[in-house]
C-alpha cells in the first residue's frame, strides 16, 4: 500500500472514532463524493436563546448546561422539542452556527409557515441517554429535572412535547420516546445510532449485553404507534442497515426516509429543514 493509501486509511480510522463506528461505507461514500450535497444554514436572523445550568442528581452531581431557542417574534405558551446531542457533543452543539445551527433552521421554518415551537437542548454526556450501571441516568434527568424546569421557569407547553436527536441523540430520542411521558407527541431522529447486535456496538455505548438488550429500540416500534415519528438516514451512513430495518419494523412507515448522505454535519443540515417542519406541524394544536 502506498503512503497516500495508508494516510487515507488512518484518516478514515480517525473519522470512525468520532462517529462511533469503524470506517466503511460512510468513509468510502465521502471519499468518492457520492454522499449527496451538503445542506446550508439559512440566511435568516434567529430568534432569542437563553442558556443556563443546574446540578443534576440523575447525572451524579454534574453541572449540566442547557439552551432554549425560540423563533423570532413573541409567541405565547410554545410547545417544545427536547434536543438530544450526539456523542462527543453537548447542549451548545445544537445551536452552534458553525455546526447544526438549529435556531436558524427554526427561524426559517416558522417564517415559511411552520407553526412556532421552541427547541431546548441539554447536556447528556456520552451516556447514550439511558440508565448506566454507575447510577447515571440522562433519560431520567430529561424527564424528572429538565422538563419541570422548562415548565416552571419558562412557561413552555409540555402538553405538546417532542424529541429531536442526532446520532447518539437519535438513539436517545427513540429510547426515551418508547416509554415517554404521556404528552410526547413527536420524535425526530437524524441518523440514529442503532445496531442489530451488542457485538457491533461502539465501545462504551452500553454497559454489557444485558444493558443493550434492555435498551435497544428494536422491538419497541409498536410503543410509538400514537407518536408522530420521522427518521432520516443516509445511504452511506454506517448505521444505514440497522436504521433501514428499524424503520421497517413499524406497522405504518415513519416519515423521513433513506437517501444519499453520510454521518456528518452536511447531511444533518440537509435534513434539518424537513425535521424541524415535521416537528412544528406535529406539535401544533391544542
C-alpha atoms as a PDB file:
ATOM      1  CA  UNK A   1       0.000   0.000   0.000  1.00  0.00           C
ATOM      2  CA  UNK A   2       1.334   3.433  -0.890  1.00  0.00           C
ATOM      3  CA  UNK A   3       1.814   6.283   1.563  1.00  0.00           C
ATOM      4  CA  UNK A   4      -1.303   8.009   0.251  1.00  0.00           C
ATOM      5  CA  UNK A   5      -3.431   4.922   0.789  1.00  0.00           C
ATOM      6  CA  UNK A   6      -2.079   4.417   4.291  1.00  0.00           C
ATOM      7  CA  UNK A   7      -2.732   8.057   5.119  1.00  0.00           C
ATOM      8  CA  UNK A   8      -6.276   7.814   3.824  1.00  0.00           C
ATOM      9  CA  UNK A   9      -6.912   4.735   5.941  1.00  0.00           C
ATOM     10  CA  UNK A  10      -5.545   6.495   9.012  1.00  0.00           C
ATOM     11  CA  UNK A  11      -7.789   9.473   8.354  1.00  0.00           C
ATOM     12  CA  UNK A  12     -10.734   7.156   7.923  1.00  0.00           C
ATOM     13  CA  UNK A  13      -9.986   5.485  11.243  1.00  0.00           C
ATOM     14  CA  UNK A  14      -9.871   8.886  12.972  1.00  0.00           C
ATOM     15  CA  UNK A  15     -13.245   9.762  11.493  1.00  0.00           C
ATOM     16  CA  UNK A  16     -14.596   6.424  12.672  1.00  0.00           C
ATOM     17  CA  UNK A  17     -13.642   7.138  16.282  1.00  0.00           C
ATOM     18  CA  UNK A  18     -15.589  10.379  16.154  1.00  0.00           C
ATOM     19  CA  UNK A  19     -18.649   8.849  14.506  1.00  0.00           C
ATOM     20  CA  UNK A  20     -18.873   5.830  16.827  1.00  0.00           C
ATOM     21  CA  UNK A  21     -18.020   3.152  14.264  1.00  0.00           C
ATOM     22  CA  UNK A  22     -15.059   1.974  12.268  1.00  0.00           C
ATOM     23  CA  UNK A  23     -14.863   3.439   8.746  1.00  0.00           C
ATOM     24  CA  UNK A  24     -16.554   1.542   5.964  1.00  0.00           C
ATOM     25  CA  UNK A  25     -19.294   2.543   3.580  1.00  0.00           C
ATOM     26  CA  UNK A  26     -19.594   6.011   5.187  1.00  0.00           C
ATOM     27  CA  UNK A  27     -15.944   6.856   4.576  1.00  0.00           C
ATOM     28  CA  UNK A  28     -15.971   5.348   1.086  1.00  0.00           C
ATOM     29  CA  UNK A  29     -19.066   7.311   0.059  1.00  0.00           C
ATOM     30  CA  UNK A  30     -17.460  10.519   1.294  1.00  0.00           C
ATOM     31  CA  UNK A  31     -14.144   9.828  -0.433  1.00  0.00           C
ATOM     32  CA  UNK A  32     -15.933   9.041  -3.686  1.00  0.00           C
ATOM     33  CA  UNK A  33     -18.110  12.130  -3.482  1.00  0.00           C
ATOM     34  CA  UNK A  34     -21.393  10.218  -3.716  1.00  0.00           C
ATOM     35  CA  UNK A  35     -22.919  11.118  -0.368  1.00  0.00           C
ATOM     36  CA  UNK A  36     -25.073  13.977  -1.678  1.00  0.00           C
ATOM     37  CA  UNK A  37     -24.872  17.724  -1.392  1.00  0.00           C
ATOM     38  CA  UNK A  38     -24.231  19.350   1.965  1.00  0.00           C
ATOM     39  CA  UNK A  39     -27.101  21.311   3.459  1.00  0.00           C
ATOM     40  CA  UNK A  40     -26.661  25.013   4.075  1.00  0.00           C
ATOM     41  CA  UNK A  41     -27.648  27.148   7.028  1.00  0.00           C
ATOM     42  CA  UNK A  42     -30.481  29.517   6.052  1.00  0.00           C
ATOM     43  CA  UNK A  43     -29.673  33.218   5.794  1.00  0.00           C
ATOM     44  CA  UNK A  44     -32.094  34.415   8.462  1.00  0.00           C
ATOM     45  CA  UNK A  45     -31.972  36.205  11.789  1.00  0.00           C
ATOM     46  CA  UNK A  46     -32.546  33.633  14.525  1.00  0.00           C
ATOM     47  CA  UNK A  47     -34.854  34.160  17.454  1.00  0.00           C
ATOM     48  CA  UNK A  48     -33.706  34.619  21.054  1.00  0.00           C
ATOM     49  CA  UNK A  49     -31.870  31.960  23.021  1.00  0.00           C
ATOM     50  CA  UNK A  50     -31.451  31.553  26.751  1.00  0.00           C
ATOM     51  CA  UNK A  51     -28.897  29.355  28.472  1.00  0.00           C
ATOM     52  CA  UNK A  52     -28.239  28.159  31.983  1.00  0.00           C
ATOM     53  CA  UNK A  53     -27.195  25.167  34.028  1.00  0.00           C
ATOM     54  CA  UNK A  54     -28.190  23.131  37.063  1.00  0.00           C
ATOM     55  CA  UNK A  55     -26.716  20.418  39.225  1.00  0.00           C
ATOM     56  CA  UNK A  56     -28.230  17.120  38.132  1.00  0.00           C
ATOM     57  CA  UNK A  57     -28.900  14.445  40.726  1.00  0.00           C
ATOM     58  CA  UNK A  58     -29.522  11.920  37.943  1.00  0.00           C
ATOM     59  CA  UNK A  59     -26.135  12.722  36.452  1.00  0.00           C
ATOM     60  CA  UNK A  60     -24.445  12.158  39.799  1.00  0.00           C
ATOM     61  CA  UNK A  61     -23.986  15.792  40.778  1.00  0.00           C
ATOM     62  CA  UNK A  62     -22.622  17.044  37.475  1.00  0.00           C
ATOM     63  CA  UNK A  63     -23.374  20.588  36.390  1.00  0.00           C
ATOM     64  CA  UNK A  64     -25.304  20.291  33.130  1.00  0.00           C
ATOM     65  CA  UNK A  65     -25.858  23.090  30.663  1.00  0.00           C
ATOM     66  CA  UNK A  66     -28.964  23.827  28.646  1.00  0.00           C
ATOM     67  CA  UNK A  67     -30.149  26.245  25.986  1.00  0.00           C
ATOM     68  CA  UNK A  68     -33.648  27.195  24.852  1.00  0.00           C
ATOM     69  CA  UNK A  69     -34.090  28.612  21.340  1.00  0.00           C
ATOM     70  CA  UNK A  70     -37.321  30.316  20.320  1.00  0.00           C
ATOM     71  CA  UNK A  71     -38.425  31.567  16.906  1.00  0.00           C
ATOM     72  CA  UNK A  72     -38.365  35.322  16.215  1.00  0.00           C
ATOM     73  CA  UNK A  73     -41.255  37.474  17.465  1.00  0.00           C
ATOM     74  CA  UNK A  74     -43.379  36.893  20.542  1.00  0.00           C
ATOM     75  CA  UNK A  75     -45.223  33.589  20.817  1.00  0.00           C
ATOM     76  CA  UNK A  76     -47.128  32.666  23.941  1.00  0.00           C
ATOM     77  CA  UNK A  77     -47.068  29.204  25.516  1.00  0.00           C
ATOM     78  CA  UNK A  78     -44.954  27.470  22.880  1.00  0.00           C
ATOM     79  CA  UNK A  79     -44.741  23.700  22.521  1.00  0.00           C
ATOM     80  CA  UNK A  80     -41.178  22.426  22.860  1.00  0.00           C
ATOM     81  CA  UNK A  81     -38.928  19.728  21.398  1.00  0.00           C
ATOM     82  CA  UNK A  82     -36.088  18.490  23.599  1.00  0.00           C
ATOM     83  CA  UNK A  83     -32.850  18.247  21.614  1.00  0.00           C
ATOM     84  CA  UNK A  84     -30.521  15.336  22.414  1.00  0.00           C
ATOM     85  CA  UNK A  85     -26.971  15.711  21.130  1.00  0.00           C
ATOM     86  CA  UNK A  86     -24.603  13.180  19.596  1.00  0.00           C
ATOM     87  CA  UNK A  87     -21.582  11.540  21.172  1.00  0.00           C
ATOM     88  CA  UNK A  88     -18.779  13.981  21.863  1.00  0.00           C
ATOM     89  CA  UNK A  89     -21.141  16.953  21.563  1.00  0.00           C
ATOM     90  CA  UNK A  90     -23.004  18.957  24.192  1.00  0.00           C
ATOM     91  CA  UNK A  91     -26.085  21.136  24.501  1.00  0.00           C
ATOM     92  CA  UNK A  92     -24.398  24.037  22.691  1.00  0.00           C
ATOM     93  CA  UNK A  93     -23.747  21.941  19.563  1.00  0.00           C
ATOM     94  CA  UNK A  94     -27.395  22.174  18.505  1.00  0.00           C
ATOM     95  CA  UNK A  95     -27.235  25.947  18.108  1.00  0.00           C
ATOM     96  CA  UNK A  96     -23.589  26.477  17.180  1.00  0.00           C
ATOM     97  CA  UNK A  97     -23.744  28.342  13.855  1.00  0.00           C
ATOM     98  CA  UNK A  98     -20.628  26.503  12.675  1.00  0.00           C
ATOM     99  CA  UNK A  99     -22.322  23.191  13.469  1.00  0.00           C
ATOM    100  CA  UNK A 100     -26.060  22.407  13.303  1.00  0.00           C
ATOM    101  CA  UNK A 101     -27.460  25.927  13.778  1.00  0.00           C
ATOM    102  CA  UNK A 102     -30.905  24.583  14.623  1.00  0.00           C
ATOM    103  CA  UNK A 103     -32.076  28.001  15.821  1.00  0.00           C
ATOM    104  CA  UNK A 104     -31.514  29.276  12.269  1.00  0.00           C
ATOM    105  CA  UNK A 105     -33.469  26.384  10.767  1.00  0.00           C
ATOM    106  CA  UNK A 106     -36.237  27.014  13.313  1.00  0.00           C
ATOM    107  CA  UNK A 107     -36.470  30.687  12.350  1.00  0.00           C
ATOM    108  CA  UNK A 108     -36.577  29.843   8.634  1.00  0.00           C
ATOM    109  CA  UNK A 109     -39.231  27.166   9.123  1.00  0.00           C
ATOM    110  CA  UNK A 110     -41.536  29.469  11.093  1.00  0.00           C
ATOM    111  CA  UNK A 111     -41.056  32.220   8.508  1.00  0.00           C
ATOM    112  CA  UNK A 112     -42.178  29.690   5.863  1.00  0.00           C
ATOM    113  CA  UNK A 113     -45.355  28.827   7.761  1.00  0.00           C
ATOM    114  CA  UNK A 114     -44.375  26.081  10.198  1.00  0.00           C
ATOM    115  CA  UNK A 115     -46.304  26.504  13.465  1.00  0.00           C
ATOM    116  CA  UNK A 116     -43.937  28.050  16.036  1.00  0.00           C
ATOM    117  CA  UNK A 117     -42.331  25.991  18.785  1.00  0.00           C
ATOM    118  CA  UNK A 118     -39.204  26.074  20.923  1.00  0.00           C
ATOM    119  CA  UNK A 119     -36.129  23.862  20.914  1.00  0.00           C
ATOM    120  CA  UNK A 120     -34.467  23.077  24.243  1.00  0.00           C
ATOM    121  CA  UNK A 121     -31.106  21.287  24.393  1.00  0.00           C
ATOM    122  CA  UNK A 122     -29.465  19.681  27.425  1.00  0.00           C
ATOM    123  CA  UNK A 123     -26.128  18.040  28.260  1.00  0.00           C
ATOM    124  CA  UNK A 124     -26.273  14.253  28.334  1.00  0.00           C
ATOM    125  CA  UNK A 125     -22.568  13.418  28.327  1.00  0.00           C
ATOM    126  CA  UNK A 126     -21.669  10.246  26.431  1.00  0.00           C
ATOM    127  CA  UNK A 127     -24.237   8.148  28.302  1.00  0.00           C
ATOM    128  CA  UNK A 128     -26.313   7.183  25.252  1.00  0.00           C
ATOM    129  CA  UNK A 129     -29.275   8.736  27.051  1.00  0.00           C
ATOM    130  CA  UNK A 130     -30.162   5.673  29.137  1.00  0.00           C
ATOM    131  CA  UNK A 131     -29.540   4.408  32.678  1.00  0.00           C
ATOM    132  CA  UNK A 132     -25.981   3.188  33.311  1.00  0.00           C
ATOM    133  CA  UNK A 133     -24.625   0.778  35.911  1.00  0.00           C
ATOM    134  CA  UNK A 134     -22.814   3.703  37.547  1.00  0.00           C
ATOM    135  CA  UNK A 135     -26.191   5.111  38.544  1.00  0.00           C
ATOM    136  CA  UNK A 136     -26.015   7.915  35.985  1.00  0.00           C
ATOM    137  CA  UNK A 137     -29.293   8.280  34.079  1.00  0.00           C
ATOM    138  CA  UNK A 138     -29.540  11.006  31.442  1.00  0.00           C
ATOM    139  CA  UNK A 139     -33.029   9.881  30.423  1.00  0.00           C
ATOM    140  CA  UNK A 140     -34.330  10.425  33.951  1.00  0.00           C
ATOM    141  CA  UNK A 141     -32.540  13.785  34.003  1.00  0.00           C
ATOM    142  CA  UNK A 142     -34.546  14.863  30.953  1.00  0.00           C
ATOM    143  CA  UNK A 143     -37.886  13.699  32.355  1.00  0.00           C
ATOM    144  CA  UNK A 144     -37.534  14.419  36.074  1.00  0.00           C
ATOM    145  CA  UNK A 145     -35.287  17.511  36.103  1.00  0.00           C
ATOM    146  CA  UNK A 146     -35.263  19.309  32.757  1.00  0.00           C
ATOM    147  CA  UNK A 147     -38.962  19.148  31.926  1.00  0.00           C
ATOM    148  CA  UNK A 148     -40.064  20.641  35.267  1.00  0.00           C
ATOM    149  CA  UNK A 149     -37.526  23.443  34.784  1.00  0.00           C
ATOM    150  CA  UNK A 150     -38.949  24.215  31.325  1.00  0.00           C
ATOM    151  CA  UNK A 151     -42.486  24.290  32.656  1.00  0.00           C
ATOM    152  CA  UNK A 152     -41.867  26.162  35.884  1.00  0.00           C
ATOM    153  CA  UNK A 153     -39.423  28.860  34.776  1.00  0.00           C
ATOM    154  CA  UNK A 154     -40.022  29.202  31.058  1.00  0.00           C
ATOM    155  CA  UNK A 155     -43.756  28.619  30.588  1.00  0.00           C
ATOM    156  CA  UNK A 156     -43.407  26.162  27.735  1.00  0.00           C
ATOM    157  CA  UNK A 157     -46.318  23.873  26.857  1.00  0.00           C
ATOM    158  CA  UNK A 158     -45.278  20.390  27.960  1.00  0.00           C
ATOM    159  CA  UNK A 159     -48.650  19.114  26.792  1.00  0.00           C
ATOM    160  CA  UNK A 160     -47.155  19.453  23.310  1.00  0.00           C
ATOM    161  CA  UNK A 161     -43.751  17.873  23.715  1.00  0.00           C
ATOM    162  CA  UNK A 162     -41.329  16.477  21.141  1.00  0.00           C
ATOM    163  CA  UNK A 163     -37.880  14.897  20.998  1.00  0.00           C
ATOM    164  CA  UNK A 164     -35.177  15.573  18.397  1.00  0.00           C
ATOM    165  CA  UNK A 165     -31.756  13.947  18.288  1.00  0.00           C
ATOM    166  CA  UNK A 166     -28.878  13.114  16.005  1.00  0.00           C
ATOM    167  CA  UNK A 167     -26.603  10.041  16.135  1.00  0.00           C
ATOM    168  CA  UNK A 168     -26.370   9.075  19.835  1.00  0.00           C
ATOM    169  CA  UNK A 169     -29.154  11.584  20.452  1.00  0.00           C
ATOM    170  CA  UNK A 170     -31.279   9.922  17.781  1.00  0.00           C
ATOM    171  CA  UNK A 171     -30.949   6.679  19.714  1.00  0.00           C
ATOM    172  CA  UNK A 172     -31.904   8.581  22.862  1.00  0.00           C
ATOM    173  CA  UNK A 173     -34.995  10.112  21.265  1.00  0.00           C
ATOM    174  CA  UNK A 174     -36.239   6.680  20.185  1.00  0.00           C
ATOM    175  CA  UNK A 175     -35.372   5.072  23.527  1.00  0.00           C
ATOM    176  CA  UNK A 176     -36.989   7.786  25.668  1.00  0.00           C
ATOM    177  CA  UNK A 177     -39.898   8.076  23.259  1.00  0.00           C
ATOM    178  CA  UNK A 178     -40.778   4.385  23.545  1.00  0.00           C
ATOM    179  CA  UNK A 179     -41.601   4.859  27.238  1.00  0.00           C
ATOM    180  CA  UNK A 180     -42.314   8.586  27.274  1.00  0.00           C
ATOM    181  CA  UNK A 181     -44.204  10.967  29.423  1.00  0.00           C
ATOM    182  CA  UNK A 182     -47.778  10.677  28.165  1.00  0.00           C
ATOM    183  CA  UNK A 183     -47.610  14.054  26.455  1.00  0.00           C
ATOM    184  CA  UNK A 184     -44.820  13.248  23.953  1.00  0.00           C
ATOM    185  CA  UNK A 185     -46.351  13.823  20.526  1.00  0.00           C
ATOM    186  CA  UNK A 186     -43.476  13.731  18.054  1.00  0.00           C
ATOM    187  CA  UNK A 187     -39.975  12.318  17.615  1.00  0.00           C
ATOM    188  CA  UNK A 188     -37.374  13.321  15.066  1.00  0.00           C
ATOM    189  CA  UNK A 189     -34.307  11.072  14.701  1.00  0.00           C
ATOM    190  CA  UNK A 190     -31.428  12.074  12.427  1.00  0.00           C
ATOM    191  CA  UNK A 191     -29.009   9.222  11.667  1.00  0.00           C
ATOM    192  CA  UNK A 192     -29.813   7.417  14.927  1.00  0.00           C
ATOM    193  CA  UNK A 193     -27.024   5.241  16.297  1.00  0.00           C
ATOM    194  CA  UNK A 194     -28.629   1.806  16.045  1.00  0.00           C
ATOM    195  CA  UNK A 195     -27.123  -1.669  15.983  1.00  0.00           C
ATOM    196  CA  UNK A 196     -28.573  -5.124  15.418  1.00  0.00           C
ATOM    197  CA  UNK A 197     -26.267  -6.887  17.870  1.00  0.00           C
ATOM    198  CA  UNK A 198     -24.336  -5.968  21.000  1.00  0.00           C
ATOM    199  CA  UNK A 199     -21.109  -7.241  19.422  1.00  0.00           C
ATOM    200  CA  UNK A 200     -21.355  -4.476  16.807  1.00  0.00           C
ATOM    201  CA  UNK A 201     -21.834  -1.559  19.220  1.00  0.00           C
ATOM    202  CA  UNK A 202     -19.441   1.288  19.888  1.00  0.00           C
ATOM    203  CA  UNK A 203     -17.230   0.917  22.979  1.00  0.00           C
ATOM    204  CA  UNK A 204     -18.935   2.470  25.971  1.00  0.00           C
ATOM    205  CA  UNK A 205     -22.370   2.769  24.391  1.00  0.00           C
ATOM    206  CA  UNK A 206     -23.741   0.049  26.676  1.00  0.00           C
ATOM    207  CA  UNK A 207     -22.571  -1.490  29.932  1.00  0.00           C
ATOM    208  CA  UNK A 208     -22.913  -5.055  28.663  1.00  0.00           C
ATOM    209  CA  UNK A 209     -25.111  -7.254  26.502  1.00  0.00           C
ATOM    210  CA  UNK A 210     -27.925  -7.203  29.067  1.00  0.00           C
ATOM    211  CA  UNK A 211     -27.912  -3.406  29.007  1.00  0.00           C
ATOM    212  CA  UNK A 212     -28.060  -3.470  25.208  1.00  0.00           C
ATOM    213  CA  UNK A 213     -30.981  -5.904  25.113  1.00  0.00           C
ATOM    214  CA  UNK A 214     -32.844  -3.864  27.716  1.00  0.00           C
ATOM    215  CA  UNK A 215     -32.464  -0.532  25.917  1.00  0.00           C
ATOM    216  CA  UNK A 216     -32.377  -1.246  22.179  1.00  0.00           C
ATOM    217  CA  UNK A 217     -35.317   0.431  20.378  1.00  0.00           C
ATOM    218  CA  UNK A 218     -35.727  -2.658  18.180  1.00  0.00           C
ATOM    219  CA  UNK A 219     -38.961  -4.405  19.043  1.00  0.00           C
ATOM    220  CA  UNK A 220     -40.495  -1.319  20.657  1.00  0.00           C
ATOM    221  CA  UNK A 221     -41.878   0.263  17.488  1.00  0.00           C
ATOM    222  CA  UNK A 222     -45.481  -0.510  18.499  1.00  0.00           C
ATOM    223  CA  UNK A 223     -44.971   1.674  21.577  1.00  0.00           C
ATOM    224  CA  UNK A 224     -44.651   4.633  19.195  1.00  0.00           C
ATOM    225  CA  UNK A 225     -47.869   3.889  17.284  1.00  0.00           C
ATOM    226  CA  UNK A 226     -49.556   7.028  18.646  1.00  0.00           C
ATOM    227  CA  UNK A 227     -46.485   9.213  18.227  1.00  0.00           C
ATOM    228  CA  UNK A 228     -45.578  11.120  15.074  1.00  0.00           C
ATOM    229  CA  UNK A 229     -42.145   9.769  14.095  1.00  0.00           C
ATOM    230  CA  UNK A 230     -39.652  10.920  11.479  1.00  0.00           C
ATOM    231  CA  UNK A 231     -36.414   9.008  10.930  1.00  0.00           C
ATOM    232  CA  UNK A 232     -33.805  10.007   8.345  1.00  0.00           C
ATOM    233  CA  UNK A 233     -30.547   8.262   7.498  1.00  0.00           C
ATOM    234  CA  UNK A 234     -28.022   8.492   4.700  1.00  0.00           C
ATOM    235  CA  UNK A 235     -27.302   5.540   2.450  1.00  0.00           C
ATOM    236  CA  UNK A 236     -23.590   5.958   3.137  1.00  0.00           C
ATOM    237  CA  UNK A 237     -24.111   6.059   6.895  1.00  0.00           C
ATOM    238  CA  UNK A 238     -22.540   3.201   8.891  1.00  0.00           C
ATOM    239  CA  UNK A 239     -25.884   2.858  10.710  1.00  0.00           C
ATOM    240  CA  UNK A 240     -27.828   2.594   7.448  1.00  0.00           C
ATOM    241  CA  UNK A 241     -28.620  -1.138   7.558  1.00  0.00           C
ATOM    242  CA  UNK A 242     -29.841  -1.045  11.151  1.00  0.00           C
ATOM    243  CA  UNK A 243     -31.891   2.121  10.605  1.00  0.00           C
ATOM    244  CA  UNK A 244     -33.458   0.650   7.474  1.00  0.00           C
ATOM    245  CA  UNK A 245     -34.501  -2.464   9.391  1.00  0.00           C
ATOM    246  CA  UNK A 246     -35.746  -0.433  12.349  1.00  0.00           C
ATOM    247  CA  UNK A 247     -37.936   1.689  10.062  1.00  0.00           C
ATOM    248  CA  UNK A 248     -39.308  -1.496   8.508  1.00  0.00           C
ATOM    249  CA  UNK A 249     -40.469  -2.658  11.941  1.00  0.00           C
ATOM    250  CA  UNK A 250     -43.230  -0.041  12.166  1.00  0.00           C
ATOM    251  CA  UNK A 251     -46.767  -1.025  11.255  1.00  0.00           C
ATOM    252  CA  UNK A 252     -47.011   2.303   9.432  1.00  0.00           C
ATOM    253  CA  UNK A 253     -43.862   3.626   7.773  1.00  0.00           C
ATOM    254  CA  UNK A 254     -42.393   6.632   9.621  1.00  0.00           C
ATOM    255  CA  UNK A 255     -41.893   9.968   7.925  1.00  0.00           C
ATOM    256  CA  UNK A 256     -38.461  10.820   6.576  1.00  0.00           C
ATOM    257  CA  UNK A 257     -36.544   8.207   4.673  1.00  0.00           C
ATOM    258  CA  UNK A 258     -33.259   6.940   3.297  1.00  0.00           C
ATOM    259  CA  UNK A 259     -31.327   8.954   0.756  1.00  0.00           C
ATOM    260  CA  UNK A 260     -27.789   9.826  -0.285  1.00  0.00           C
ATOM    261  CA  UNK A 261     -25.894  11.034   2.734  1.00  0.00           C
ATOM    262  CA  UNK A 262     -23.135  10.417   5.215  1.00  0.00           C
ATOM    263  CA  UNK A 263     -22.982  10.530   9.018  1.00  0.00           C
ATOM    264  CA  UNK A 264     -21.938  14.150   9.104  1.00  0.00           C
ATOM    265  CA  UNK A 265     -22.947  17.774   9.531  1.00  0.00           C
ATOM    266  CA  UNK A 266     -23.539  18.299   5.809  1.00  0.00           C
ATOM    267  CA  UNK A 267     -26.215  15.602   5.758  1.00  0.00           C
ATOM    268  CA  UNK A 268     -27.802  16.725   9.044  1.00  0.00           C
ATOM    269  CA  UNK A 269     -28.051  20.270   7.753  1.00  0.00           C
ATOM    270  CA  UNK A 270     -29.689  18.944   4.579  1.00  0.00           C
ATOM    271  CA  UNK A 271     -32.410  17.106   6.501  1.00  0.00           C
ATOM    272  CA  UNK A 272     -32.821  19.711   9.263  1.00  0.00           C
ATOM    273  CA  UNK A 273     -35.487  21.755   7.397  1.00  0.00           C
ATOM    274  CA  UNK A 274     -37.678  18.680   6.988  1.00  0.00           C
ATOM    275  CA  UNK A 275     -37.134  17.554  10.568  1.00  0.00           C
ATOM    276  CA  UNK A 276     -37.928  20.975  12.039  1.00  0.00           C
ATOM    277  CA  UNK A 277     -41.027  21.461   9.882  1.00  0.00           C
ATOM    278  CA  UNK A 278     -42.228  17.960  10.760  1.00  0.00           C
ATOM    279  CA  UNK A 279     -41.940  18.646  14.483  1.00  0.00           C
ATOM    280  CA  UNK A 280     -43.654  22.025  14.215  1.00  0.00           C
ATOM    281  CA  UNK A 281     -46.681  20.640  12.425  1.00  0.00           C
ATOM    282  CA  UNK A 282     -46.863  17.550  14.669  1.00  0.00           C
ATOM    283  CA  UNK A 283     -46.775  19.678  17.825  1.00  0.00           C
ATOM    284  CA  UNK A 284     -49.318  22.223  16.599  1.00  0.00           C
ATOM    285  CA  UNK A 285     -52.817  22.289  18.007  1.00  0.00           C
ATOM    286  CA  UNK A 286     -54.376  22.282  21.450  1.00  0.00           C
END
